[in-house]
């Protein structure tokens, strides 16, 4: 059931796939098997993501361990983003995972995120803590908000790349990792941007509306 759900969600989108289709595609005889085991589509999506994120979590911890206490913002992001990218390249489920989590990030009505085991995301909390330590002049709440935005940008960028270029292979791996590197180059300066010496973010105003001073 999990394998079939993962494949169909990635291919067609979470909202477009019914529990009945997943049951039929998995060869289960009981038409209510998915509902029996998971209770809802959101719970099923959460189970699909949790079993994969646990593996990415372990890879990310190893990458962060290698930095020791010397990691700067760019290196911390490269370790965190690289853990996901490595599974996208080398794990047969990596591309599907990126597509599913990108859809979850862009569609908050998919309430599956709350179903994901927090322990499976401990490396993201560790990444955030390391970023805070590397940015002592930036308020912790701002680092956290920017970290959440970074996660969304990362999964959507990787998912878009896969849509355009297909699975990572020997032929396009260099291009894929160049994209990952460029993403880290873009994100790293943003964590400390717009914060003055007082640690208070500079106020940013958009263009005024016509007729409004």
Protein backbone atom coordinates (compact mmCIF):
# COMPACT_ATOMS: atom_id res chain seq x y z
CA UNK A 1 0.00 0.00 0.00
CA UNK A 2 2.76 2.45 0.90
CA UNK A 3 4.76 1.73 -2.25
CA UNK A 4 1.71 2.13 -4.48
CA UNK A 5 0.59 5.31 -2.71
CA UNK A 6 4.06 6.81 -3.04
CA UNK A 7 4.20 6.10 -6.77
CA UNK A 8 0.71 7.39 -7.53
CA UNK A 9 1.02 10.50 -5.35
CA UNK A 10 4.28 11.43 -7.09
CA UNK A 11 2.97 10.74 -10.58
CA UNK A 12 -0.45 12.36 -10.34
CA UNK A 13 -0.57 14.49 -7.21
CA UNK A 14 -1.93 13.70 -3.77
CA UNK A 15 -5.40 15.16 -4.27
CA UNK A 16 -5.91 13.32 -7.56
CA UNK A 17 -5.45 9.83 -6.10
CA UNK A 18 -8.20 8.07 -4.15
CA UNK A 19 -7.71 5.46 -1.46
CA UNK A 20 -9.64 3.04 -3.67
CA UNK A 21 -7.14 3.48 -6.52
CA UNK A 22 -4.28 2.82 -4.15
CA UNK A 23 -5.91 -0.36 -2.88
CA UNK A 24 -6.58 -1.61 -6.41
CA UNK A 25 -3.09 -0.73 -7.57
CA UNK A 26 -1.51 -2.58 -4.66
CA UNK A 27 -3.41 -5.78 -5.38
CA UNK A 28 -5.19 -5.84 -2.03
CA UNK A 29 -8.40 -7.85 -1.99
CA UNK A 30 -10.08 -5.83 0.74
CA UNK A 31 -11.36 -2.57 -0.88
CA UNK A 32 -11.19 -0.85 2.53
CA UNK A 33 -7.60 -1.90 3.27
CA UNK A 34 -6.13 1.61 3.09
CA UNK A 35 -8.81 3.06 5.32
CA UNK A 36 -8.46 0.15 7.74
CA UNK A 37 -4.69 0.53 8.11
CA UNK A 38 -4.37 4.33 7.96
CA UNK A 39 -7.79 5.83 8.55
CA UNK A 40 -7.49 8.72 6.08
CA UNK A 41 -5.54 9.91 3.07
CA UNK A 42 -3.66 12.46 5.20
CA UNK A 43 -2.55 9.69 7.56
CA UNK A 44 -1.46 7.59 4.60
CA UNK A 45 0.56 10.49 3.16
CA UNK A 46 2.14 10.99 6.58
CA UNK A 47 3.14 7.32 6.69
CA UNK A 48 4.61 7.50 3.18
CA UNK A 49 6.70 10.54 4.12
CA UNK A 50 7.75 9.35 7.57
CA UNK A 51 9.37 6.13 6.39
CA UNK A 52 11.51 8.08 3.91
CA UNK A 53 12.29 11.14 5.99
CA UNK A 54 13.68 8.88 8.71
CA UNK A 55 16.41 7.76 6.29
CA UNK A 56 17.11 11.31 5.13
CA UNK A 57 17.22 12.33 8.78
CA UNK A 58 20.01 9.84 9.48
CA UNK A 59 21.99 10.98 6.43
CA UNK A 60 21.62 14.63 7.45
CA UNK A 61 22.87 13.92 10.98
CA UNK A 62 25.98 12.26 9.56
CA UNK A 63 26.62 15.27 7.30
CA UNK A 64 26.16 17.70 10.20
CA UNK A 65 28.46 15.59 12.39
CA UNK A 66 31.20 16.04 9.78
CA UNK A 67 31.02 19.83 10.17
CA UNK A 68 31.85 19.77 13.85
CA UNK A 69 31.67 23.22 15.44
CA UNK A 70 33.20 25.00 12.47
CA UNK A 71 30.25 25.07 10.12
CA UNK A 72 29.31 28.40 8.58
CA UNK A 73 25.87 29.10 7.15
CA UNK A 74 26.74 27.93 3.62
CA UNK A 75 28.31 24.70 4.90
CA UNK A 76 25.37 23.96 7.21
CA UNK A 77 22.89 24.45 4.37
CA UNK A 78 25.00 22.35 2.00
CA UNK A 79 24.99 19.50 4.52
CA UNK A 80 21.24 19.74 5.10
CA UNK A 81 20.16 20.18 1.49
CA UNK A 82 22.78 17.70 0.32
CA UNK A 83 21.28 14.96 2.50
CA UNK A 84 18.02 15.22 0.58
CA UNK A 85 19.74 15.61 -2.77
CA UNK A 86 21.85 12.50 -2.14
CA UNK A 87 18.73 10.39 -1.69
CA UNK A 88 17.13 11.96 -4.74
CA UNK A 89 20.11 10.78 -6.75
CA UNK A 90 20.80 7.39 -5.18
CA UNK A 91 17.56 6.09 -3.61
CA UNK A 92 14.90 4.73 -5.97
CA UNK A 93 12.23 6.56 -3.97
CA UNK A 94 14.10 9.87 -3.71
CA UNK A 95 12.45 11.57 -6.67
CA UNK A 96 8.96 10.56 -5.57
CA UNK A 97 9.66 11.84 -2.06
CA UNK A 98 10.73 15.23 -3.42
CA UNK A 99 7.59 15.50 -5.57
CA UNK A 100 5.29 14.58 -2.67
CA UNK A 101 6.89 16.91 -0.11
CA UNK A 102 6.91 19.78 -2.63
CA UNK A 103 3.17 19.34 -3.10
CA UNK A 104 2.67 19.24 0.67
CA UNK A 105 4.66 22.46 1.04
CA UNK A 106 2.57 24.32 -1.53
CA UNK A 107 -0.82 23.01 -0.44
CA UNK A 108 -1.39 23.55 3.30
CA UNK A 109 -4.83 21.98 3.02
CA UNK A 110 -2.98 18.64 2.82
CA UNK A 111 -2.81 18.09 6.57
CA UNK A 112 -0.33 15.24 6.39
CA UNK A 113 2.59 17.18 7.89
CA UNK A 114 1.07 16.84 11.36
CA UNK A 115 1.09 13.07 10.88
CA UNK A 116 4.86 12.88 10.39
CA UNK A 117 6.79 11.64 13.41
CA UNK A 118 8.73 14.64 14.85
CA UNK A 119 11.63 12.35 15.76
CA UNK A 120 12.05 11.65 12.06
CA UNK A 121 12.79 15.36 11.56
CA UNK A 122 15.28 15.84 14.39
CA UNK A 123 18.06 16.73 11.95
CA UNK A 124 16.05 19.73 10.73
CA UNK A 125 15.80 20.99 14.31
CA UNK A 126 19.55 20.44 14.65
CA UNK A 127 20.16 22.35 11.40
CA UNK A 128 18.13 25.25 12.78
CA UNK A 129 20.10 25.22 16.04
CA UNK A 130 23.40 25.26 14.14
CA UNK A 131 22.21 28.15 11.98
CA UNK A 132 21.25 30.12 15.08
CA UNK A 133 24.72 29.54 16.53
CA UNK A 134 26.32 30.69 13.28
CA UNK A 135 24.13 33.83 13.21
CA UNK A 136 24.31 35.28 16.74
CA UNK A 137 23.06 38.67 15.53
CA UNK A 138 19.87 37.30 14.00
CA UNK A 139 16.82 36.71 16.24
CA UNK A 140 16.10 33.01 16.74
CA UNK A 141 12.49 33.41 15.58
CA UNK A 142 13.70 34.95 12.33
CA UNK A 143 16.18 32.14 11.74
CA UNK A 144 13.34 29.66 12.26
CA UNK A 145 11.02 31.45 9.81
CA UNK A 146 13.76 31.64 7.23
CA UNK A 147 14.54 27.98 7.80
CA UNK A 148 10.94 27.05 7.07
CA UNK A 149 11.05 29.11 3.88
CA UNK A 150 14.34 27.44 2.98
CA UNK A 151 12.73 24.01 3.31
CA UNK A 152 9.90 24.99 0.96
CA UNK A 153 12.27 26.50 -1.60
CA UNK A 154 14.52 23.43 -1.45
CA UNK A 155 11.87 20.78 -2.09
CA UNK A 156 10.08 22.81 -4.77
CA UNK A 157 13.33 23.60 -6.58
CA UNK A 158 14.40 19.96 -6.61
CA UNK A 159 10.92 18.78 -7.64
CA UNK A 160 10.85 21.28 -10.50
CA UNK A 161 14.30 20.17 -11.66
CA UNK A 162 13.13 16.57 -11.73
CA UNK A 163 10.02 17.51 -13.72
CA UNK A 164 12.19 19.27 -16.29
CA UNK A 165 15.07 16.80 -16.51
CA UNK A 166 13.79 13.46 -15.23
CA UNK A 167 15.48 11.22 -12.64
CA UNK A 168 19.09 11.93 -11.74
CA UNK A 169 21.40 9.76 -13.84
CA UNK A 170 25.05 9.58 -14.83
CA UNK A 171 24.21 11.85 -17.76
CA UNK A 172 22.72 14.68 -15.75
CA UNK A 173 24.12 14.25 -12.23
CA UNK A 174 26.62 17.09 -12.64
CA UNK A 175 23.83 19.43 -13.71
CA UNK A 176 21.70 18.31 -10.77
CA UNK A 177 24.44 19.00 -8.22
CA UNK A 178 25.21 22.32 -9.87
CA UNK A 179 21.56 23.21 -9.25
CA UNK A 180 21.87 22.12 -5.62
CA UNK A 181 25.03 24.20 -5.19
CA UNK A 182 23.41 27.25 -6.77
CA UNK A 183 20.45 26.80 -4.43
CA UNK A 184 22.73 26.84 -1.38
CA UNK A 185 24.55 29.90 -2.76
CA UNK A 186 21.21 31.67 -3.04
CA UNK A 187 19.85 30.68 0.36
CA UNK A 188 22.91 31.22 2.55
CA UNK A 189 23.07 35.04 2.39
CA UNK A 190 19.35 35.30 3.04
CA UNK A 191 19.59 34.01 6.60
CA UNK A 192 21.48 37.09 7.75
CA UNK A 193 20.02 39.60 5.32
CA UNK A 194 18.30 42.80 6.41
CA UNK A 195 19.31 42.61 10.06
CA UNK A 196 20.96 45.68 11.55
CA UNK A 197 23.50 45.89 14.32
CA UNK A 198 20.70 45.85 16.89
CA UNK A 199 19.52 42.46 15.66
CA UNK A 200 16.20 43.94 14.55
CA UNK A 201 15.24 43.20 10.91
CA UNK A 202 15.22 46.27 8.71
CA UNK A 203 11.72 47.24 7.65
CA UNK A 204 11.09 46.59 3.98
CA UNK A 205 8.29 48.35 2.15
CA UNK A 206 7.02 47.59 -1.30
CA UNK A 207 6.17 50.27 -3.88
CA UNK A 208 3.39 52.63 -2.84
CA UNK A 209 -0.01 52.30 -4.48
CA UNK A 210 -0.86 55.00 -7.00
CA UNK A 211 -2.14 58.08 -5.20
CA UNK A 212 -0.90 56.93 -1.80
CA UNK A 213 1.99 58.79 -0.23
